[in-house]
Amino acid sequence: MPSKLLSNIVVVVVLVVALILVVGWFYWSQVRPSRIYSGCSKEATEKAIDLNLKEGDEEDKESAIKGRYDQESYDVYYNRCLRNNGINAKDVK
């Protein structure tokens, strides 16, 4: 009887560890990158708009107020943010 109880405990422990590993893998490979992409997009947009406000001419400043920005500036900020968060920007499609 005790050996059957011990084997049940071992099975439960193995299943719990497997579940923790699967959930951890899912978070690390799916949820975390998704949050990073979203946060970097928002940050890059804000910084590109701020750059237009600081360094642009009047037309650029008016565009920035409307939420427009230079795509090249956005790309630089976005890729920098991804690298800072441990994602290789070359892997982004």
N, C-alpha and C. Protein backbone atom coordinates (compact mmCIF):
# COMPACT_ATOMS: atom_id res chain seq x y z
N MET A 1 0.80 -1.21 0.00
CA MET A 1 0.00 0.00 0.00
C MET A 1 0.85 1.28 0.00
N PRO A 2 1.86 1.38 0.86
CA PRO A 2 2.67 2.60 0.86
C PRO A 2 3.42 2.82 -0.46
N SER A 3 3.82 1.77 -1.14
CA SER A 3 4.55 1.96 -2.39
C SER A 3 3.61 2.52 -3.47
N LYS A 4 2.33 2.12 -3.43
CA LYS A 4 1.36 2.66 -4.39
C LYS A 4 1.15 4.15 -4.14
N LEU A 5 1.07 4.55 -2.88
CA LEU A 5 0.91 5.96 -2.52
C LEU A 5 2.14 6.75 -2.95
N LEU A 6 3.31 6.18 -2.74
CA LEU A 6 4.55 6.83 -3.14
C LEU A 6 4.61 7.00 -4.66
N SER A 7 4.19 6.00 -5.40
CA SER A 7 4.21 6.10 -6.86
C SER A 7 3.21 7.14 -7.35
N ASN A 8 2.06 7.26 -6.68
CA ASN A 8 1.08 8.30 -7.04
C ASN A 8 1.64 9.70 -6.79
N ILE A 9 2.36 9.85 -5.69
CA ILE A 9 2.96 11.14 -5.38
C ILE A 9 4.01 11.50 -6.42
N VAL A 10 4.80 10.52 -6.84
CA VAL A 10 5.82 10.76 -7.86
C VAL A 10 5.16 11.18 -9.17
N VAL A 11 4.09 10.53 -9.55
CA VAL A 11 3.38 10.87 -10.78
C VAL A 11 2.83 12.29 -10.70
N VAL A 12 2.25 12.64 -9.58
CA VAL A 12 1.70 13.99 -9.41
C VAL A 12 2.82 15.03 -9.48
N VAL A 13 3.92 14.77 -8.83
CA VAL A 13 5.05 15.71 -8.85
C VAL A 13 5.58 15.87 -10.27
N VAL A 14 5.72 14.79 -11.00
CA VAL A 14 6.21 14.85 -12.38
C VAL A 14 5.24 15.64 -13.24
N LEU A 15 3.95 15.42 -13.07
CA LEU A 15 2.95 16.16 -13.85
C LEU A 15 2.96 17.65 -13.52
N VAL A 16 3.11 17.99 -12.26
CA VAL A 16 3.16 19.40 -11.85
C VAL A 16 4.41 20.07 -12.43
N VAL A 17 5.54 19.39 -12.36
CA VAL A 17 6.78 19.95 -12.92
C VAL A 17 6.63 20.12 -14.43
N ALA A 18 6.06 19.13 -15.11
CA ALA A 18 5.85 19.22 -16.56
C ALA A 18 4.93 20.38 -16.90
N LEU A 19 3.87 20.57 -16.12
CA LEU A 19 2.94 21.67 -16.35
C LEU A 19 3.63 23.02 -16.16
N ILE A 20 4.44 23.13 -15.13
CA ILE A 20 5.18 24.36 -14.88
C ILE A 20 6.13 24.66 -16.03
N LEU A 21 6.80 23.63 -16.53
CA LEU A 21 7.72 23.82 -17.65
C LEU A 21 6.98 24.25 -18.92
N VAL A 22 5.85 23.65 -19.20
CA VAL A 22 5.07 24.01 -20.39
C VAL A 22 4.55 25.44 -20.28
N VAL A 23 4.03 25.81 -19.14
CA VAL A 23 3.53 27.18 -18.94
C VAL A 23 4.68 28.17 -19.04
N GLY A 24 5.82 27.86 -18.45
CA GLY A 24 6.99 28.74 -18.53
C GLY A 24 7.48 28.90 -19.95
N TRP A 25 7.53 27.81 -20.70
CA TRP A 25 7.94 27.88 -22.11
C TRP A 25 6.96 28.73 -22.91
N PHE A 26 5.66 28.54 -22.69
CA PHE A 26 4.67 29.32 -23.43
C PHE A 26 4.82 30.80 -23.12
N TYR A 27 4.99 31.14 -21.84
CA TYR A 27 5.17 32.54 -21.48
C TYR A 27 6.41 33.12 -22.17
N TRP A 28 7.54 32.40 -22.07
CA TRP A 28 8.81 32.92 -22.57
C TRP A 28 8.82 33.05 -24.10
N SER A 29 8.15 32.15 -24.80
CA SER A 29 8.22 32.17 -26.26
C SER A 29 7.04 32.85 -26.93
N GLN A 30 5.94 33.09 -26.22
CA GLN A 30 4.76 33.69 -26.84
C GLN A 30 4.32 34.99 -26.16
N VAL A 31 4.09 34.95 -24.89
CA VAL A 31 3.54 36.11 -24.17
C VAL A 31 4.59 37.21 -24.02
N ARG A 32 5.77 36.86 -23.55
CA ARG A 32 6.83 37.86 -23.32
C ARG A 32 7.18 38.62 -24.59
N PRO A 33 7.48 37.94 -25.72
CA PRO A 33 7.80 38.69 -26.93
C PRO A 33 6.65 39.58 -27.40
N SER A 34 5.44 39.09 -27.26
CA SER A 34 4.28 39.89 -27.68
C SER A 34 4.20 41.19 -26.88
N ARG A 35 4.43 41.10 -25.59
CA ARG A 35 4.42 42.30 -24.75
C ARG A 35 5.58 43.24 -25.11
N ILE A 36 6.72 42.67 -25.41
CA ILE A 36 7.88 43.49 -25.78
C ILE A 36 7.61 44.21 -27.10
N TYR A 37 7.08 43.50 -28.11
CA TYR A 37 6.78 44.13 -29.40
C TYR A 37 5.79 45.28 -29.22
N SER A 38 4.77 45.04 -28.43
CA SER A 38 3.76 46.08 -28.20
C SER A 38 4.36 47.29 -27.49
N GLY A 39 5.11 47.04 -26.43
CA GLY A 39 5.74 48.13 -25.69
C GLY A 39 6.75 48.90 -26.52
N CYS A 40 7.52 48.18 -27.32
CA CYS A 40 8.52 48.85 -28.17
C CYS A 40 7.85 49.68 -29.26
N SER A 41 6.76 49.19 -29.78
CA SER A 41 6.04 49.96 -30.80
C SER A 41 5.53 51.28 -30.22
N LYS A 42 4.96 51.20 -29.03
CA LYS A 42 4.46 52.41 -28.38
C LYS A 42 5.60 53.37 -28.06
N GLU A 43 6.68 52.84 -27.52
CA GLU A 43 7.84 53.67 -27.16
C GLU A 43 8.46 54.31 -28.40
N ALA A 44 8.61 53.54 -29.48
CA ALA A 44 9.22 54.06 -30.70
C ALA A 44 8.34 55.15 -31.32
N THR A 45 7.04 54.96 -31.28
CA THR A 45 6.13 55.98 -31.81
C THR A 45 6.27 57.28 -31.03
N GLU A 46 6.26 57.17 -29.70
CA GLU A 46 6.39 58.36 -28.86
C GLU A 46 7.72 59.08 -29.11
N LYS A 47 8.80 58.33 -29.20
CA LYS A 47 10.12 58.95 -29.40
C LYS A 47 10.25 59.56 -30.78
N ALA A 48 9.69 58.91 -31.80
CA ALA A 48 9.75 59.46 -33.16
C ALA A 48 8.95 60.76 -33.25
N ILE A 49 7.80 60.80 -32.58
CA ILE A 49 7.00 62.02 -32.55
C ILE A 49 7.74 63.12 -31.80
N ASP A 50 8.33 62.78 -30.66
CA ASP A 50 9.10 63.77 -29.89
C ASP A 50 10.27 64.32 -30.70
N LEU A 51 10.92 63.46 -31.47
CA LEU A 51 12.03 63.90 -32.30
C LEU A 51 11.56 64.91 -33.33
N ASN A 52 10.41 64.67 -33.95
CA ASN A 52 9.85 65.63 -34.90
C ASN A 52 9.53 66.96 -34.22
N LEU A 53 9.04 66.89 -33.00
CA LEU A 53 8.71 68.12 -32.27
C LEU A 53 9.97 68.91 -31.92
N LYS A 54 11.05 68.20 -31.58
CA LYS A 54 12.28 68.88 -31.15
C LYS A 54 13.11 69.39 -32.32
N GLU A 55 13.26 68.56 -33.34
CA GLU A 55 14.24 68.88 -34.37
C GLU A 55 13.64 69.23 -35.73
N GLY A 56 12.35 69.05 -35.89
CA GLY A 56 11.76 69.28 -37.20
C GLY A 56 11.44 70.74 -37.46
N ASP A 57 11.13 71.01 -38.72
CA ASP A 57 10.68 72.35 -39.06
C ASP A 57 9.19 72.47 -38.70
N GLU A 58 8.58 73.58 -39.02
CA GLU A 58 7.18 73.81 -38.64
C GLU A 58 6.25 72.74 -39.20
N GLU A 59 6.50 72.32 -40.44
CA GLU A 59 5.64 71.30 -41.04
C GLU A 59 5.76 69.97 -40.29
N ASP A 60 6.99 69.61 -39.91
CA ASP A 60 7.21 68.39 -39.14
C ASP A 60 6.53 68.47 -37.78
N LYS A 61 6.60 69.64 -37.16
CA LYS A 61 5.98 69.80 -35.85
C LYS A 61 4.47 69.68 -35.93
N GLU A 62 3.88 70.24 -36.97
CA GLU A 62 2.44 70.10 -37.15
C GLU A 62 2.06 68.65 -37.39
N SER A 63 2.86 67.94 -38.17
CA SER A 63 2.61 66.52 -38.40
C SER A 63 2.74 65.72 -37.11
N ALA A 64 3.73 66.06 -36.31
CA ALA A 64 3.95 65.35 -35.05
C ALA A 64 2.77 65.55 -34.10
N ILE A 65 2.23 66.75 -34.08
CA ILE A 65 1.08 67.02 -33.22
C ILE A 65 -0.10 66.14 -33.64
N LYS A 66 -0.20 65.84 -34.92
CA LYS A 66 -1.27 64.99 -35.42
C LYS A 66 -0.93 63.51 -35.27
N GLY A 67 0.23 63.20 -34.71
CA GLY A 67 0.61 61.81 -34.49
C GLY A 67 1.40 61.21 -35.62
N ARG A 68 1.89 62.01 -36.52
CA ARG A 68 2.70 61.51 -37.63
C ARG A 68 4.18 61.62 -37.27
N TYR A 69 4.97 60.76 -37.88
CA TYR A 69 6.40 60.74 -37.58
C TYR A 69 7.15 60.17 -38.77
N ASP A 70 8.47 60.31 -38.72
CA ASP A 70 9.35 59.78 -39.76
C ASP A 70 9.55 58.29 -39.54
N GLN A 71 9.27 57.49 -40.56
CA GLN A 71 9.35 56.03 -40.43
C GLN A 71 10.76 55.56 -40.11
N GLU A 72 11.75 56.23 -40.65
CA GLU A 72 13.14 55.84 -40.38
C GLU A 72 13.48 56.02 -38.89
N SER A 73 13.04 57.13 -38.31
CA SER A 73 13.28 57.35 -36.88
C SER A 73 12.56 56.29 -36.05
N TYR A 74 11.34 55.98 -36.43
CA TYR A 74 10.56 54.95 -35.73
C TYR A 74 11.32 53.62 -35.77
N ASP A 75 11.81 53.23 -36.96
CA ASP A 75 12.50 51.95 -37.11
C ASP A 75 13.74 51.88 -36.23
N VAL A 76 14.49 52.99 -36.16
CA VAL A 76 15.69 53.01 -35.32
C VAL A 76 15.32 52.82 -33.85
N TYR A 77 14.34 53.56 -33.37
CA TYR A 77 13.93 53.43 -31.96
C TYR A 77 13.35 52.05 -31.67
N TYR A 78 12.57 51.52 -32.61
CA TYR A 78 11.94 50.21 -32.43
C TYR A 78 12.99 49.11 -32.34
N ASN A 79 13.93 49.10 -33.26
CA ASN A 79 14.98 48.07 -33.25
C ASN A 79 15.87 48.19 -32.02
N ARG A 80 16.15 49.41 -31.60
CA ARG A 80 16.96 49.62 -30.39
C ARG A 80 16.23 49.07 -29.16
N CYS A 81 14.94 49.33 -29.08
CA CYS A 81 14.14 48.84 -27.96
C CYS A 81 14.12 47.31 -27.95
N LEU A 82 13.93 46.70 -29.11
CA LEU A 82 13.92 45.24 -29.18
C LEU A 82 15.25 44.66 -28.71
N ARG A 83 16.36 45.24 -29.17
CA ARG A 83 17.68 44.75 -28.74
C ARG A 83 17.85 44.91 -27.24
N ASN A 84 17.41 46.04 -26.69
CA ASN A 84 17.53 46.27 -25.25
C ASN A 84 16.73 45.27 -24.43
N ASN A 85 15.68 44.70 -25.04
CA ASN A 85 14.84 43.74 -24.35
C ASN A 85 15.17 42.29 -24.73
N GLY A 86 16.28 42.08 -25.42
CA GLY A 86 16.76 40.74 -25.68
C GLY A 86 16.17 40.07 -26.90
N ILE A 87 15.61 40.85 -27.82
CA ILE A 87 15.08 40.28 -29.06
C ILE A 87 15.92 40.78 -30.21
N ASN A 88 16.38 39.87 -31.03
CA ASN A 88 17.18 40.24 -32.19
C ASN A 88 16.27 40.88 -33.22
N ALA A 89 16.54 42.12 -33.57
CA ALA A 89 15.67 42.85 -34.50
C ALA A 89 15.63 42.20 -35.88
N LYS A 90 16.66 41.44 -36.22
CA LYS A 90 16.68 40.76 -37.52
C LYS A 90 15.66 39.64 -37.58
N ASP A 91 15.24 39.12 -36.42
CA ASP A 91 14.26 38.04 -36.38
C ASP A 91 12.84 38.53 -36.60
N VAL A 92 12.64 39.84 -36.51
CA VAL A 92 11.30 40.42 -36.67
C VAL A 92 10.93 40.41 -38.13
N LYS A 93 9.73 39.95 -38.40
CA LYS A 93 9.28 39.87 -39.80
C LYS A 93 8.47 41.08 -40.17
